[in-house]
Amino acid sequence: MKPLNILSRWHPRSTLGPGNSTHLGVQPPSLRQAPESTWQRLLFWLLAPAPADVAPPMNRVPAIRVEFMRSVADVDSDEADSLRNRIALARSLRELWHLRTEVFRVVGLAHSQREAEGRLALLNRHFPTRAPRSQFGSL
């Protein structure tokens, strides 16, 4: 008697191999910016008591932009030059979030997928994550 593989249709397997069960999905940052001063934080808390939903303050964007630039610094191509220009012009963390896939593609073409995944993991720490889905969610 053949085993039934009915459940395999509802339980997608990872193509990245074992050990990826703790994968966290990276979400785009909120369009709302966290306040920078104490007074602004108090006012923000009083008017919108969900501070976990906000993006980091705008004063953190330049440092994150530098990390994006470092991730493609050793890639020498027209696409990388264009990407560096787009990174330099990004005004918010949300704009940088949208450039992650381009960083992955440019680094993957110049080096390897493994290298691109490593660099993307360093960039992803600046963005909110959501917990992986429970294995019981498809029951």
C-alpha atoms as a PDB file:
ATOM      1  CA  MET A   1       0.000   0.000   0.000  1.00  0.00           C
ATOM      2  CA  LYS A   2       1.375   3.423  -0.970  1.00  0.00           C
ATOM      3  CA  PRO A   3       1.490   6.163   1.668  1.00  0.00           C
ATOM      4  CA  LEU A   4      -0.894   9.013   1.097  1.00  0.00           C
ATOM      5  CA  ASN A   5       0.808  12.301   0.335  1.00  0.00           C
ATOM      6  CA  ILE A   6      -2.320  14.373   0.602  1.00  0.00           C
ATOM      7  CA  LEU A   7      -0.915  16.606   3.320  1.00  0.00           C
ATOM      8  CA  SER A   8       2.207  17.508   1.330  1.00  0.00           C
ATOM      9  CA  ARG A   9       0.068  19.825  -0.767  1.00  0.00           C
ATOM     10  CA  TRP A  10      -0.792  21.935   2.295  1.00  0.00           C
ATOM     11  CA  HIS A  11       2.634  21.808   3.904  1.00  0.00           C
ATOM     12  CA  PRO A  12       5.150  23.531   1.648  1.00  0.00           C
ATOM     13  CA  ARG A  13       8.712  22.413   2.151  1.00  0.00           C
ATOM     14  CA  SER A  14      11.582  24.849   2.278  1.00  0.00           C
ATOM     15  CA  THR A  15      13.927  24.811  -0.691  1.00  0.00           C
ATOM     16  CA  LEU A  16      16.733  26.246   1.410  1.00  0.00           C
ATOM     17  CA  GLY A  17      17.358  23.058   3.366  1.00  0.00           C
ATOM     18  CA  PRO A  18      17.023  22.076   7.011  1.00  0.00           C
ATOM     19  CA  GLY A  19      17.408  24.554   9.801  1.00  0.00           C
ATOM     20  CA  ASN A  20      15.201  27.235   8.302  1.00  0.00           C
ATOM     21  CA  SER A  21      12.278  26.589  10.601  1.00  0.00           C
ATOM     22  CA  THR A  22      13.040  29.801  12.480  1.00  0.00           C
ATOM     23  CA  HIS A  23      12.786  31.990   9.382  1.00  0.00           C
ATOM     24  CA  LEU A  24      11.217  35.323  10.177  1.00  0.00           C
ATOM     25  CA  GLY A  25       9.331  37.256   7.534  1.00  0.00           C
ATOM     26  CA  VAL A  26      10.568  40.804   7.084  1.00  0.00           C
ATOM     27  CA  GLN A  27       7.844  43.419   6.789  1.00  0.00           C
ATOM     28  CA  PRO A  28       8.040  46.922   5.390  1.00  0.00           C
ATOM     29  CA  PRO A  29       8.375  49.601   8.044  1.00  0.00           C
ATOM     30  CA  SER A  30       5.408  51.716   8.931  1.00  0.00           C
ATOM     31  CA  LEU A  31       4.755  54.967   7.133  1.00  0.00           C
ATOM     32  CA  ARG A  32       4.559  56.651  10.537  1.00  0.00           C
ATOM     33  CA  GLN A  33       7.887  57.794  11.966  1.00  0.00           C
ATOM     34  CA  ALA A  34       8.799  57.460  15.634  1.00  0.00           C
ATOM     35  CA  PRO A  35       9.263  60.796  17.381  1.00  0.00           C
ATOM     36  CA  GLU A  36      12.769  61.953  18.243  1.00  0.00           C
ATOM     37  CA  SER A  37      12.336  64.221  21.280  1.00  0.00           C
ATOM     38  CA  THR A  38      10.901  63.361  24.687  1.00  0.00           C
ATOM     39  CA  TRP A  39       8.048  65.824  24.270  1.00  0.00           C
ATOM     40  CA  GLN A  40       7.151  64.398  20.856  1.00  0.00           C
ATOM     41  CA  ARG A  41       7.262  60.840  22.264  1.00  0.00           C
ATOM     42  CA  LEU A  42       4.863  61.791  25.065  1.00  0.00           C
ATOM     43  CA  LEU A  43       2.484  63.466  22.645  1.00  0.00           C
ATOM     44  CA  PHE A  44       2.758  60.534  20.263  1.00  0.00           C
ATOM     45  CA  TRP A  45       1.999  58.074  23.069  1.00  0.00           C
ATOM     46  CA  LEU A  46      -1.056  60.056  24.140  1.00  0.00           C
ATOM     47  CA  LEU A  47      -2.470  60.366  20.621  1.00  0.00           C
ATOM     48  CA  ALA A  48      -1.461  56.996  19.163  1.00  0.00           C
ATOM     49  CA  PRO A  49      -0.803  54.381  21.860  1.00  0.00           C
ATOM     50  CA  ALA A  50       0.651  51.774  19.469  1.00  0.00           C
ATOM     51  CA  PRO A  51       4.331  52.787  19.159  1.00  0.00           C
ATOM     52  CA  ALA A  52       5.380  49.286  18.088  1.00  0.00           C
ATOM     53  CA  ASP A  53       3.820  49.956  14.676  1.00  0.00           C
ATOM     54  CA  VAL A  54       6.111  52.836  13.772  1.00  0.00           C
ATOM     55  CA  ALA A  55       9.319  53.054  11.798  1.00  0.00           C
ATOM     56  CA  PRO A  56      12.491  54.197  13.550  1.00  0.00           C
ATOM     57  CA  PRO A  57      13.115  57.935  13.804  1.00  0.00           C
ATOM     58  CA  MET A  58      14.349  59.641  10.645  1.00  0.00           C
ATOM     59  CA  ASN A  59      17.725  60.332  12.260  1.00  0.00           C
ATOM     60  CA  ARG A  60      18.576  56.592  11.958  1.00  0.00           C
ATOM     61  CA  VAL A  61      18.084  56.502   8.177  1.00  0.00           C
ATOM     62  CA  PRO A  62      21.570  57.856   7.263  1.00  0.00           C
ATOM     63  CA  ALA A  63      23.334  55.085   9.229  1.00  0.00           C
ATOM     64  CA  ILE A  64      21.134  52.429   7.630  1.00  0.00           C
ATOM     65  CA  ARG A  65      21.775  53.984   4.216  1.00  0.00           C
ATOM     66  CA  VAL A  66      25.530  53.587   4.845  1.00  0.00           C
ATOM     67  CA  GLU A  67      25.004  49.874   5.549  1.00  0.00           C
ATOM     68  CA  PHE A  68      23.106  49.506   2.274  1.00  0.00           C
ATOM     69  CA  MET A  69      26.006  51.219   0.480  1.00  0.00           C
ATOM     70  CA  ARG A  70      28.515  48.873   2.158  1.00  0.00           C
ATOM     71  CA  SER A  71      26.527  45.850   1.024  1.00  0.00           C
ATOM     72  CA  VAL A  72      27.151  46.735  -2.653  1.00  0.00           C
ATOM     73  CA  ALA A  73      30.477  48.558  -2.283  1.00  0.00           C
ATOM     74  CA  ASP A  74      32.562  45.742  -3.806  1.00  0.00           C
ATOM     75  CA  VAL A  75      30.274  45.235  -6.812  1.00  0.00           C
ATOM     76  CA  ASP A  76      31.483  46.996  -9.946  1.00  0.00           C
ATOM     77  CA  SER A  77      28.757  47.214 -12.588  1.00  0.00           C
ATOM     78  CA  ASP A  78      26.381  49.720 -14.115  1.00  0.00           C
ATOM     79  CA  GLU A  79      23.494  48.126 -12.189  1.00  0.00           C
ATOM     80  CA  ALA A  80      25.397  48.507  -8.914  1.00  0.00           C
ATOM     81  CA  ASP A  81      26.156  52.158  -9.715  1.00  0.00           C
ATOM     82  CA  SER A  82      22.467  52.767 -10.412  1.00  0.00           C
ATOM     83  CA  LEU A  83      21.527  51.002  -7.171  1.00  0.00           C
ATOM     84  CA  ARG A  84      24.020  53.075  -5.166  1.00  0.00           C
ATOM     85  CA  ASN A  85      22.450  56.205  -6.621  1.00  0.00           C
ATOM     86  CA  ARG A  86      18.959  55.020  -5.629  1.00  0.00           C
ATOM     87  CA  ILE A  87      20.211  54.206  -2.119  1.00  0.00           C
ATOM     88  CA  ALA A  88      21.741  57.674  -1.798  1.00  0.00           C
ATOM     89  CA  LEU A  89      18.451  59.287  -2.846  1.00  0.00           C
ATOM     90  CA  ALA A  90      16.255  57.176  -0.525  1.00  0.00           C
ATOM     91  CA  ARG A  91      14.504  59.476   1.937  1.00  0.00           C
ATOM     92  CA  SER A  92      12.975  56.935   4.308  1.00  0.00           C
ATOM     93  CA  LEU A  93      13.456  53.495   5.751  1.00  0.00           C
ATOM     94  CA  ARG A  94      10.498  52.299   3.696  1.00  0.00           C
ATOM     95  CA  GLU A  95      12.243  53.339   0.463  1.00  0.00           C
ATOM     96  CA  LEU A  96      15.339  51.437   1.563  1.00  0.00           C
ATOM     97  CA  TRP A  97      13.180  48.407   2.355  1.00  0.00           C
ATOM     98  CA  HIS A  98      12.040  48.344  -1.255  1.00  0.00           C
ATOM     99  CA  LEU A  99      15.675  48.313  -2.430  1.00  0.00           C
ATOM    100  CA  ARG A 100      16.489  45.087  -0.547  1.00  0.00           C
ATOM    101  CA  THR A 101      15.541  42.853  -3.462  1.00  0.00           C
ATOM    102  CA  GLU A 102      17.728  44.855  -5.818  1.00  0.00           C
ATOM    103  CA  VAL A 103      20.654  44.532  -3.390  1.00  0.00           C
ATOM    104  CA  PHE A 104      20.071  40.774  -3.305  1.00  0.00           C
ATOM    105  CA  ARG A 105      19.961  40.543  -7.099  1.00  0.00           C
ATOM    106  CA  VAL A 106      23.060  42.680  -7.733  1.00  0.00           C
ATOM    107  CA  VAL A 107      25.144  40.907  -5.072  1.00  0.00           C
ATOM    108  CA  GLY A 108      23.896  37.492  -6.188  1.00  0.00           C
ATOM    109  CA  LEU A 109      24.950  38.160  -9.777  1.00  0.00           C
ATOM    110  CA  ALA A 110      28.365  39.490  -8.745  1.00  0.00           C
ATOM    111  CA  HIS A 111      29.155  36.893  -6.056  1.00  0.00           C
ATOM    112  CA  SER A 112      26.767  34.085  -5.121  1.00  0.00           C
ATOM    113  CA  GLN A 113      23.342  33.475  -3.698  1.00  0.00           C
ATOM    114  CA  ARG A 114      24.854  32.528  -0.349  1.00  0.00           C
ATOM    115  CA  GLU A 115      26.751  35.833  -0.182  1.00  0.00           C
ATOM    116  CA  ALA A 116      23.606  37.748  -1.188  1.00  0.00           C
ATOM    117  CA  GLU A 117      21.594  35.992   1.529  1.00  0.00           C
ATOM    118  CA  GLY A 118      24.224  36.869   4.139  1.00  0.00           C
ATOM    119  CA  ARG A 119      24.275  40.523   3.180  1.00  0.00           C
ATOM    120  CA  LEU A 120      20.500  40.695   3.048  1.00  0.00           C
ATOM    121  CA  ALA A 121      20.296  39.174   6.539  1.00  0.00           C
ATOM    122  CA  LEU A 122      22.472  42.029   7.840  1.00  0.00           C
ATOM    123  CA  LEU A 123      20.173  44.580   6.209  1.00  0.00           C
ATOM    124  CA  ASN A 124      16.972  42.862   7.362  1.00  0.00           C
ATOM    125  CA  ARG A 125      17.752  43.496  11.028  1.00  0.00           C
ATOM    126  CA  HIS A 126      16.687  47.110  10.517  1.00  0.00           C
ATOM    127  CA  PHE A 127      13.136  46.144   9.581  1.00  0.00           C
ATOM    128  CA  PRO A 128      10.216  44.734  11.576  1.00  0.00           C
ATOM    129  CA  THR A 129       9.666  40.987  11.458  1.00  0.00           C
ATOM    130  CA  ARG A 130       6.762  38.680  11.982  1.00  0.00           C
ATOM    131  CA  ALA A 131       6.992  35.278  13.570  1.00  0.00           C
ATOM    132  CA  PRO A 132       6.903  32.232  11.319  1.00  0.00           C
ATOM    133  CA  ARG A 133       3.578  30.570  10.788  1.00  0.00           C
ATOM    134  CA  SER A 134       2.687  27.751  13.111  1.00  0.00           C
ATOM    135  CA  GLN A 135       2.788  24.276  11.605  1.00  0.00           C
ATOM    136  CA  PHE A 136      -0.726  23.835  12.961  1.00  0.00           C
ATOM    137  CA  GLY A 137      -2.158  26.744  10.957  1.00  0.00           C
ATOM    138  CA  SER A 138      -3.092  24.603   7.968  1.00  0.00           C
ATOM    139  CA  LEU A 139      -5.128  22.048   9.916  1.00  0.00           C
END
